[in-house]
Amino acid sequence: MGVLKMALERLIYIVETLIFIRAILSFIVIDTNNAITSFIFQVTEPVLSPFREILRRLKVDTGMIDFSPLLAILFLSFLSRIINIIF
């Protein structure tokens, strides 16, 4: 169980870090054809898209700011705490 807990925590940490990097990249003019940038977008999009959909369905008008990375990181932090409680 300890190995599973550690693996899940590291996976969550990596995804949180990639989401944070993507949020920073969204403020910078970037070349999305770059291999690293493309990888970050491909890995984080499946995590972020459900939160964008939730905001859209709730009709939350955030203007030009995308709050889905914030919601995703909060959810992943909550998930990490649940994993710590379970294991």
PDB file of N, CA and C in Angstrom:
ATOM      1  N   MET A   1       0.816  -1.195   0.000  1.00  0.00           N
ATOM      2  CA  MET A   1       0.000   0.000   0.000  1.00  0.00           C
ATOM      3  C   MET A   1       0.857   1.255   0.000  1.00  0.00           C
ATOM      4  N   GLY A   2       2.011   1.209   0.650  1.00  0.00           N
ATOM      5  CA  GLY A   2       2.878   2.374   0.717  1.00  0.00           C
ATOM      6  C   GLY A   2       3.389   2.789  -0.649  1.00  0.00           C
ATOM      7  N   VAL A   3       3.687   1.806  -1.488  1.00  0.00           N
ATOM      8  CA  VAL A   3       4.190   2.099  -2.835  1.00  0.00           C
ATOM      9  C   VAL A   3       3.083   2.734  -3.673  1.00  0.00           C
ATOM     10  N   LEU A   4       1.858   2.221  -3.552  1.00  0.00           N
ATOM     11  CA  LEU A   4       0.728   2.770  -4.291  1.00  0.00           C
ATOM     12  C   LEU A   4       0.455   4.208  -3.865  1.00  0.00           C
ATOM     13  N   LYS A   5       0.477   4.450  -2.561  1.00  0.00           N
ATOM     14  CA  LYS A   5       0.257   5.806  -2.044  1.00  0.00           C
ATOM     15  C   LYS A   5       1.313   6.759  -2.591  1.00  0.00           C
ATOM     16  N   MET A   6       2.564   6.348  -2.542  1.00  0.00           N
ATOM     17  CA  MET A   6       3.649   7.200  -3.009  1.00  0.00           C
ATOM     18  C   MET A   6       3.519   7.461  -4.514  1.00  0.00           C
ATOM     19  N   ALA A   7       3.154   6.437  -5.278  1.00  0.00           N
ATOM     20  CA  ALA A   7       2.998   6.595  -6.725  1.00  0.00           C
ATOM     21  C   ALA A   7       1.860   7.563  -7.054  1.00  0.00           C
ATOM     22  N   LEU A   8       0.739   7.424  -6.353  1.00  0.00           N
ATOM     23  CA  LEU A   8      -0.392   8.321  -6.586  1.00  0.00           C
ATOM     24  C   LEU A   8      -0.051   9.759  -6.212  1.00  0.00           C
ATOM     25  N   GLU A   9       0.634   9.937  -5.075  1.00  0.00           N
ATOM     26  CA  GLU A   9       1.019  11.283  -4.651  1.00  0.00           C
ATOM     27  C   GLU A   9       1.978  11.926  -5.646  1.00  0.00           C
ATOM     28  N   ARG A  10       2.909  11.159  -6.154  1.00  0.00           N
ATOM     29  CA  ARG A  10       3.860  11.708  -7.143  1.00  0.00           C
ATOM     30  C   ARG A  10       3.153  12.043  -8.449  1.00  0.00           C
ATOM     31  N   LEU A  11       2.236  11.187  -8.869  1.00  0.00           N
ATOM     32  CA  LEU A  11       1.482  11.460 -10.087  1.00  0.00           C
ATOM     33  C   LEU A  11       0.680  12.757  -9.938  1.00  0.00           C
ATOM     34  N   ILE A  12       0.025  12.920  -8.804  1.00  0.00           N
ATOM     35  CA  ILE A  12      -0.742  14.143  -8.549  1.00  0.00           C
ATOM     36  C   ILE A  12       0.179  15.355  -8.543  1.00  0.00           C
ATOM     37  N   TYR A  13       1.333  15.233  -7.912  1.00  0.00           N
ATOM     38  CA  TYR A  13       2.294  16.339  -7.868  1.00  0.00           C
ATOM     39  C   TYR A  13       2.761  16.720  -9.274  1.00  0.00           C
ATOM     40  N   ILE A  14       3.046  15.727 -10.098  1.00  0.00           N
ATOM     41  CA  ILE A  14       3.502  15.995 -11.470  1.00  0.00           C
ATOM     42  C   ILE A  14       2.407  16.700 -12.267  1.00  0.00           C
ATOM     43  N   VAL A  15       1.178  16.227 -12.146  1.00  0.00           N
ATOM     44  CA  VAL A  15       0.072  16.842 -12.883  1.00  0.00           C
ATOM     45  C   VAL A  15      -0.163  18.269 -12.389  1.00  0.00           C
ATOM     46  N   GLU A  16      -0.118  18.485 -11.064  1.00  0.00           N
ATOM     47  CA  GLU A  16      -0.267  19.839 -10.524  1.00  0.00           C
ATOM     48  C   GLU A  16       0.814  20.765 -11.066  1.00  0.00           C
ATOM     49  N   THR A  17       2.038  20.281 -11.114  1.00  0.00           N
ATOM     50  CA  THR A  17       3.153  21.084 -11.621  1.00  0.00           C
ATOM     51  C   THR A  17       2.957  21.417 -13.091  1.00  0.00           C
ATOM     52  N   LEU A  18       2.540  20.444 -13.882  1.00  0.00           N
ATOM     53  CA  LEU A  18       2.301  20.693 -15.305  1.00  0.00           C
ATOM     54  C   LEU A  18       1.157  21.685 -15.522  1.00  0.00           C
ATOM     55  N   ILE A  19       0.125  21.606 -14.694  1.00  0.00           N
ATOM     56  CA  ILE A  19      -0.982  22.565 -14.794  1.00  0.00           C
ATOM     57  C   ILE A  19      -0.486  23.967 -14.452  1.00  0.00           C
ATOM     58  N   PHE A  20       0.333  24.080 -13.421  1.00  0.00           N
ATOM     59  CA  PHE A  20       0.894  25.378 -13.038  1.00  0.00           C
ATOM     60  C   PHE A  20       1.742  25.953 -14.173  1.00  0.00           C
ATOM     61  N   ILE A  21       2.579  25.117 -14.773  1.00  0.00           N
ATOM     62  CA  ILE A  21       3.416  25.567 -15.895  1.00  0.00           C
ATOM     63  C   ILE A  21       2.534  26.004 -17.064  1.00  0.00           C
ATOM     64  N   ARG A  22       1.479  25.252 -17.328  1.00  0.00           N
ATOM     65  CA  ARG A  22       0.574  25.625 -18.422  1.00  0.00           C
ATOM     66  C   ARG A  22      -0.100  26.960 -18.138  1.00  0.00           C
ATOM     67  N   ALA A  23      -0.484  27.190 -16.888  1.00  0.00           N
ATOM     68  CA  ALA A  23      -1.108  28.468 -16.541  1.00  0.00           C
ATOM     69  C   ALA A  23      -0.142  29.622 -16.786  1.00  0.00           C
ATOM     70  N   ILE A  24       1.111  29.425 -16.432  1.00  0.00           N
ATOM     71  CA  ILE A  24       2.115  30.465 -16.682  1.00  0.00           C
ATOM     72  C   ILE A  24       2.310  30.656 -18.182  1.00  0.00           C
ATOM     73  N   LEU A  25       2.375  29.559 -18.925  1.00  0.00           N
ATOM     74  CA  LEU A  25       2.559  29.644 -20.372  1.00  0.00           C
ATOM     75  C   LEU A  25       1.398  30.361 -21.054  1.00  0.00           C
ATOM     76  N   SER A  26       0.213  30.301 -20.457  1.00  0.00           N
ATOM     77  CA  SER A  26      -0.942  30.952 -21.079  1.00  0.00           C
ATOM     78  C   SER A  26      -0.816  32.473 -21.062  1.00  0.00           C
ATOM     79  N   PHE A  27       0.025  33.015 -20.178  1.00  0.00           N
ATOM     80  CA  PHE A  27       0.233  34.459 -20.120  1.00  0.00           C
ATOM     81  C   PHE A  27       1.360  34.914 -21.032  1.00  0.00           C
ATOM     82  N   ILE A  28       2.094  33.975 -21.590  1.00  0.00           N
ATOM     83  CA  ILE A  28       3.241  34.277 -22.429  1.00  0.00           C
ATOM     84  C   ILE A  28       2.902  33.881 -23.863  1.00  0.00           C
ATOM     85  N   VAL A  29       3.331  34.670 -24.800  1.00  0.00           N
ATOM     86  CA  VAL A  29       3.154  34.285 -26.200  1.00  0.00           C
ATOM     87  C   VAL A  29       4.094  33.119 -26.464  1.00  0.00           C
ATOM     88  N   ILE A  30       3.501  31.974 -26.789  1.00  0.00           N
ATOM     89  CA  ILE A  30       4.307  30.763 -26.939  1.00  0.00           C
ATOM     90  C   ILE A  30       4.067  30.111 -28.285  1.00  0.00           C
ATOM     91  N   ASP A  31       4.997  29.306 -28.673  1.00  0.00           N
ATOM     92  CA  ASP A  31       4.868  28.507 -29.886  1.00  0.00           C
ATOM     93  C   ASP A  31       4.284  27.160 -29.474  1.00  0.00           C
ATOM     94  N   THR A  32       3.034  26.936 -29.818  1.00  0.00           N
ATOM     95  CA  THR A  32       2.384  25.683 -29.416  1.00  0.00           C
ATOM     96  C   THR A  32       2.888  24.490 -30.214  1.00  0.00           C
ATOM     97  N   ASN A  33       3.690  24.735 -31.221  1.00  0.00           N
ATOM     98  CA  ASN A  33       4.282  23.633 -31.982  1.00  0.00           C
ATOM     99  C   ASN A  33       5.545  23.100 -31.320  1.00  0.00           C
ATOM    100  N   ASN A  34       6.018  23.788 -30.290  1.00  0.00           N
ATOM    101  CA  ASN A  34       7.176  23.337 -29.529  1.00  0.00           C
ATOM    102  C   ASN A  34       6.834  21.987 -28.892  1.00  0.00           C
ATOM    103  N   ALA A  35       7.758  21.046 -28.911  1.00  0.00           N
ATOM    104  CA  ALA A  35       7.497  19.691 -28.401  1.00  0.00           C
ATOM    105  C   ALA A  35       7.146  19.695 -26.914  1.00  0.00           C
ATOM    106  N   ILE A  36       7.863  20.481 -26.126  1.00  0.00           N
ATOM    107  CA  ILE A  36       7.610  20.508 -24.680  1.00  0.00           C
ATOM    108  C   ILE A  36       6.255  21.142 -24.394  1.00  0.00           C
ATOM    109  N   THR A  37       5.979  22.269 -25.030  1.00  0.00           N
ATOM    110  CA  THR A  37       4.697  22.945 -24.840  1.00  0.00           C
ATOM    111  C   THR A  37       3.551  22.052 -25.292  1.00  0.00           C
ATOM    112  N   SER A  38       3.715  21.410 -26.411  1.00  0.00           N
ATOM    113  CA  SER A  38       2.689  20.512 -26.925  1.00  0.00           C
ATOM    114  C   SER A  38       2.435  19.366 -25.947  1.00  0.00           C
ATOM    115  N   PHE A  39       3.502  18.809 -25.384  1.00  0.00           N
ATOM    116  CA  PHE A  39       3.366  17.730 -24.399  1.00  0.00           C
ATOM    117  C   PHE A  39       2.586  18.209 -23.174  1.00  0.00           C
ATOM    118  N   ILE A  40       2.939  19.389 -22.663  1.00  0.00           N
ATOM    119  CA  ILE A  40       2.257  19.929 -21.478  1.00  0.00           C
ATOM    120  C   ILE A  40       0.772  20.115 -21.766  1.00  0.00           C
ATOM    121  N   PHE A  41       0.446  20.666 -22.934  1.00  0.00           N
ATOM    122  CA  PHE A  41      -0.954  20.875 -23.284  1.00  0.00           C
ATOM    123  C   PHE A  41      -1.690  19.547 -23.448  1.00  0.00           C
ATOM    124  N   GLN A  42      -1.062  18.549 -24.053  1.00  0.00           N
ATOM    125  CA  GLN A  42      -1.706  17.251 -24.249  1.00  0.00           C
ATOM    126  C   GLN A  42      -1.954  16.525 -22.932  1.00  0.00           C
ATOM    127  N   VAL A  43      -1.032  16.657 -21.984  1.00  0.00           N
ATOM    128  CA  VAL A  43      -1.176  15.963 -20.699  1.00  0.00           C
ATOM    129  C   VAL A  43      -2.208  16.652 -19.813  1.00  0.00           C
ATOM    130  N   THR A  44      -2.247  17.976 -19.832  1.00  0.00           N
ATOM    131  CA  THR A  44      -3.121  18.702 -18.909  1.00  0.00           C
ATOM    132  C   THR A  44      -4.538  18.906 -19.436  1.00  0.00           C
ATOM    133  N   GLU A  45      -4.721  18.878 -20.736  1.00  0.00           N
ATOM    134  CA  GLU A  45      -6.058  19.141 -21.293  1.00  0.00           C
ATOM    135  C   GLU A  45      -7.123  18.164 -20.788  1.00  0.00           C
ATOM    136  N   PRO A  46      -6.862  16.858 -20.693  1.00  0.00           N
ATOM    137  CA  PRO A  46      -7.896  15.958 -20.152  1.00  0.00           C
ATOM    138  C   PRO A  46      -8.258  16.257 -18.695  1.00  0.00           C
ATOM    139  N   VAL A  47      -7.353  16.866 -17.961  1.00  0.00           N
ATOM    140  CA  VAL A  47      -7.636  17.225 -16.568  1.00  0.00           C
ATOM    141  C   VAL A  47      -8.413  18.538 -16.514  1.00  0.00           C
ATOM    142  N   LEU A  48      -8.060  19.492 -17.359  1.00  0.00           N
ATOM    143  CA  LEU A  48      -8.665  20.821 -17.307  1.00  0.00           C
ATOM    144  C   LEU A  48     -10.034  20.899 -17.974  1.00  0.00           C
ATOM    145  N   SER A  49     -10.254  20.136 -19.015  1.00  0.00           N
ATOM    146  CA  SER A  49     -11.508  20.267 -19.775  1.00  0.00           C
ATOM    147  C   SER A  49     -12.773  19.997 -18.948  1.00  0.00           C
ATOM    148  N   PRO A  50     -12.796  19.032 -18.023  1.00  0.00           N
ATOM    149  CA  PRO A  50     -14.009  18.872 -17.209  1.00  0.00           C
ATOM    150  C   PRO A  50     -14.306  20.098 -16.339  1.00  0.00           C
ATOM    151  N   PHE A  51     -13.273  20.759 -15.855  1.00  0.00           N
ATOM    152  CA  PHE A  51     -13.483  21.947 -15.029  1.00  0.00           C
ATOM    153  C   PHE A  51     -13.963  23.124 -15.879  1.00  0.00           C
ATOM    154  N   ARG A  52     -13.481  23.226 -17.109  1.00  0.00           N
ATOM    155  CA  ARG A  52     -13.992  24.251 -18.029  1.00  0.00           C
ATOM    156  C   ARG A  52     -15.470  24.004 -18.313  1.00  0.00           C
ATOM    157  N   GLU A  53     -15.813  22.735 -18.487  1.00  0.00           N
ATOM    158  CA  GLU A  53     -17.208  22.379 -18.760  1.00  0.00           C
ATOM    159  C   GLU A  53     -18.098  22.713 -17.562  1.00  0.00           C
ATOM    160  N   ILE A  54     -17.619  22.459 -16.360  1.00  0.00           N
ATOM    161  CA  ILE A  54     -18.382  22.802 -15.151  1.00  0.00           C
ATOM    162  C   ILE A  54     -18.614  24.303 -15.094  1.00  0.00           C
ATOM    163  N   LEU A  55     -17.568  25.091 -15.334  1.00  0.00           N
ATOM    164  CA  LEU A  55     -17.713  26.550 -15.321  1.00  0.00           C
ATOM    165  C   LEU A  55     -18.685  27.008 -16.409  1.00  0.00           C
ATOM    166  N   ARG A  56     -18.619  26.378 -17.570  1.00  0.00           N
ATOM    167  CA  ARG A  56     -19.519  26.745 -18.668  1.00  0.00           C
ATOM    168  C   ARG A  56     -20.969  26.426 -18.314  1.00  0.00           C
ATOM    169  N   ARG A  57     -21.201  25.257 -17.732  1.00  0.00           N
ATOM    170  CA  ARG A  57     -22.571  24.864 -17.374  1.00  0.00           C
ATOM    171  C   ARG A  57     -23.142  25.722 -16.254  1.00  0.00           C
ATOM    172  N   LEU A  58     -22.268  26.176 -15.357  1.00  0.00           N
ATOM    173  CA  LEU A  58     -22.718  27.064 -14.283  1.00  0.00           C
ATOM    174  C   LEU A  58     -22.852  28.504 -14.760  1.00  0.00           C
ATOM    175  N   LYS A  59     -22.523  28.723 -16.027  1.00  0.00           N
ATOM    176  CA  LYS A  59     -22.582  30.042 -16.650  1.00  0.00           C
ATOM    177  C   LYS A  59     -21.743  31.069 -15.894  1.00  0.00           C
ATOM    178  N   VAL A  60     -20.578  30.629 -15.456  1.00  0.00           N
ATOM    179  CA  VAL A  60     -19.644  31.514 -14.767  1.00  0.00           C
ATOM    180  C   VAL A  60     -18.858  32.268 -15.829  1.00  0.00           C
ATOM    181  N   ASP A  61     -19.055  33.588 -15.866  1.00  0.00           N
ATOM    182  CA  ASP A  61     -18.346  34.413 -16.843  1.00  0.00           C
ATOM    183  C   ASP A  61     -17.047  34.890 -16.211  1.00  0.00           C
ATOM    184  N   THR A  62     -15.949  34.316 -16.651  1.00  0.00           N
ATOM    185  CA  THR A  62     -14.646  34.676 -16.086  1.00  0.00           C
ATOM    186  C   THR A  62     -13.874  35.620 -16.991  1.00  0.00           C
ATOM    187  N   GLY A  63     -14.513  36.063 -18.053  1.00  0.00           N
ATOM    188  CA  GLY A  63     -13.827  36.960 -18.975  1.00  0.00           C
ATOM    189  C   GLY A  63     -12.693  36.242 -19.671  1.00  0.00           C
ATOM    190  N   MET A  64     -11.548  36.878 -19.696  1.00  0.00           N
ATOM    191  CA  MET A  64     -10.396  36.297 -20.392  1.00  0.00           C
ATOM    192  C   MET A  64      -9.567  35.393 -19.492  1.00  0.00           C
ATOM    193  N   ILE A  65      -9.920  35.317 -18.217  1.00  0.00           N
ATOM    194  CA  ILE A  65      -9.150  34.503 -17.274  1.00  0.00           C
ATOM    195  C   ILE A  65      -9.768  33.113 -17.186  1.00  0.00           C
ATOM    196  N   ASP A  66      -8.934  32.103 -17.324  1.00  0.00           N
ATOM    197  CA  ASP A  66      -9.372  30.710 -17.240  1.00  0.00           C
ATOM    198  C   ASP A  66      -9.124  30.212 -15.817  1.00  0.00           C
ATOM    199  N   PHE A  67     -10.209  29.955 -15.089  1.00  0.00           N
ATOM    200  CA  PHE A  67     -10.084  29.491 -13.712  1.00  0.00           C
ATOM    201  C   PHE A  67     -10.008  27.968 -13.603  1.00  0.00           C
ATOM    202  N   SER A  68     -10.073  27.268 -14.718  1.00  0.00           N
ATOM    203  CA  SER A  68     -10.019  25.806 -14.661  1.00  0.00           C
ATOM    204  C   SER A  68      -8.704  25.278 -14.078  1.00  0.00           C
ATOM    205  N   PRO A  69      -7.537  25.904 -14.327  1.00  0.00           N
ATOM    206  CA  PRO A  69      -6.322  25.402 -13.664  1.00  0.00           C
ATOM    207  C   PRO A  69      -6.394  25.515 -12.142  1.00  0.00           C
ATOM    208  N   LEU A  70      -6.959  26.611 -11.658  1.00  0.00           N
ATOM    209  CA  LEU A  70      -7.099  26.784 -10.209  1.00  0.00           C
ATOM    210  C   LEU A  70      -8.014  25.712  -9.629  1.00  0.00           C
ATOM    211  N   LEU A  71      -9.144  25.487 -10.275  1.00  0.00           N
ATOM    212  CA  LEU A  71     -10.072  24.459  -9.794  1.00  0.00           C
ATOM    213  C   LEU A  71      -9.451  23.069  -9.850  1.00  0.00           C
ATOM    214  N   ALA A  72      -8.713  22.796 -10.909  1.00  0.00           N
ATOM    215  CA  ALA A  72      -8.074  21.481 -11.049  1.00  0.00           C
ATOM    216  C   ALA A  72      -7.030  21.262  -9.963  1.00  0.00           C
ATOM    217  N   ILE A  73      -6.222  22.281  -9.687  1.00  0.00           N
ATOM    218  CA  ILE A  73      -5.197  22.148  -8.644  1.00  0.00           C
ATOM    219  C   ILE A  73      -5.848  21.982  -7.275  1.00  0.00           C
ATOM    220  N   LEU A  74      -6.916  22.726  -7.011  1.00  0.00           N
ATOM    221  CA  LEU A  74      -7.631  22.557  -5.737  1.00  0.00           C
ATOM    222  C   LEU A  74      -8.205  21.149  -5.614  1.00  0.00           C
ATOM    223  N   PHE A  75      -8.783  20.644  -6.697  1.00  0.00           N
ATOM    224  CA  PHE A  75      -9.333  19.288  -6.681  1.00  0.00           C
ATOM    225  C   PHE A  75      -8.236  18.252  -6.462  1.00  0.00           C
ATOM    226  N   LEU A  76      -7.106  18.406  -7.152  1.00  0.00           N
ATOM    227  CA  LEU A  76      -6.005  17.451  -6.997  1.00  0.00           C
ATOM    228  C   LEU A  76      -5.423  17.502  -5.588  1.00  0.00           C
ATOM    229  N   SER A  77      -5.370  18.683  -4.986  1.00  0.00           N
ATOM    230  CA  SER A  77      -4.902  18.799  -3.601  1.00  0.00           C
ATOM    231  C   SER A  77      -5.865  18.084  -2.654  1.00  0.00           C
ATOM    232  N   PHE A  78      -7.160  18.257  -2.904  1.00  0.00           N
ATOM    233  CA  PHE A  78      -8.169  17.565  -2.110  1.00  0.00           C
ATOM    234  C   PHE A  78      -8.032  16.052  -2.276  1.00  0.00           C
ATOM    235  N   LEU A  79      -7.828  15.608  -3.509  1.00  0.00           N
ATOM    236  CA  LEU A  79      -7.647  14.186  -3.791  1.00  0.00           C
ATOM    237  C   LEU A  79      -6.413  13.635  -3.078  1.00  0.00           C
ATOM    238  N   SER A  80      -5.352  14.414  -3.052  1.00  0.00           N
ATOM    239  CA  SER A  80      -4.129  14.002  -2.358  1.00  0.00           C
ATOM    240  C   SER A  80      -4.382  13.826  -0.863  1.00  0.00           C
ATOM    241  N   ARG A  81      -5.162  14.727  -0.292  1.00  0.00           N
ATOM    242  CA  ARG A  81      -5.494  14.600   1.143  1.00  0.00           C
ATOM    243  C   ARG A  81      -6.339  13.361   1.408  1.00  0.00           C
ATOM    244  N   ILE A  82      -7.266  13.080   0.519  1.00  0.00           N
ATOM    245  CA  ILE A  82      -8.096  11.878   0.661  1.00  0.00           C
ATOM    246  C   ILE A  82      -7.219  10.631   0.596  1.00  0.00           C
ATOM    247  N   ILE A  83      -6.258  10.619  -0.319  1.00  0.00           N
ATOM    248  CA  ILE A  83      -5.337   9.480  -0.427  1.00  0.00           C
ATOM    249  C   ILE A  83      -4.553   9.316   0.865  1.00  0.00           C
ATOM    250  N   ASN A  84      -4.114  10.422   1.464  1.00  0.00           N
ATOM    251  CA  ASN A  84      -3.388  10.350   2.733  1.00  0.00           C
ATOM    252  C   ASN A  84      -4.260   9.798   3.854  1.00  0.00           C
ATOM    253  N   ILE A  85      -5.539  10.128   3.842  1.00  0.00           N
ATOM    254  CA  ILE A  85      -6.450   9.622   4.873  1.00  0.00           C
ATOM    255  C   ILE A  85      -6.692   8.122   4.678  1.00  0.00           C
ATOM    256  N   ILE A  86      -6.892   7.709   3.435  1.00  0.00           N
ATOM    257  CA  ILE A  86      -7.186   6.305   3.144  1.00  0.00           C
ATOM    258  C   ILE A  86      -5.989   5.410   3.444  1.00  0.00           C
ATOM    259  N   PHE A  87      -4.799   5.853   3.026  1.00  0.00           N
ATOM    260  CA  PHE A  87      -3.616   5.026   3.220  1.00  0.00           C
ATOM    261  C   PHE A  87      -2.938   5.440   4.501  1.00  0.00           C
TER     262      PHE A  87
END
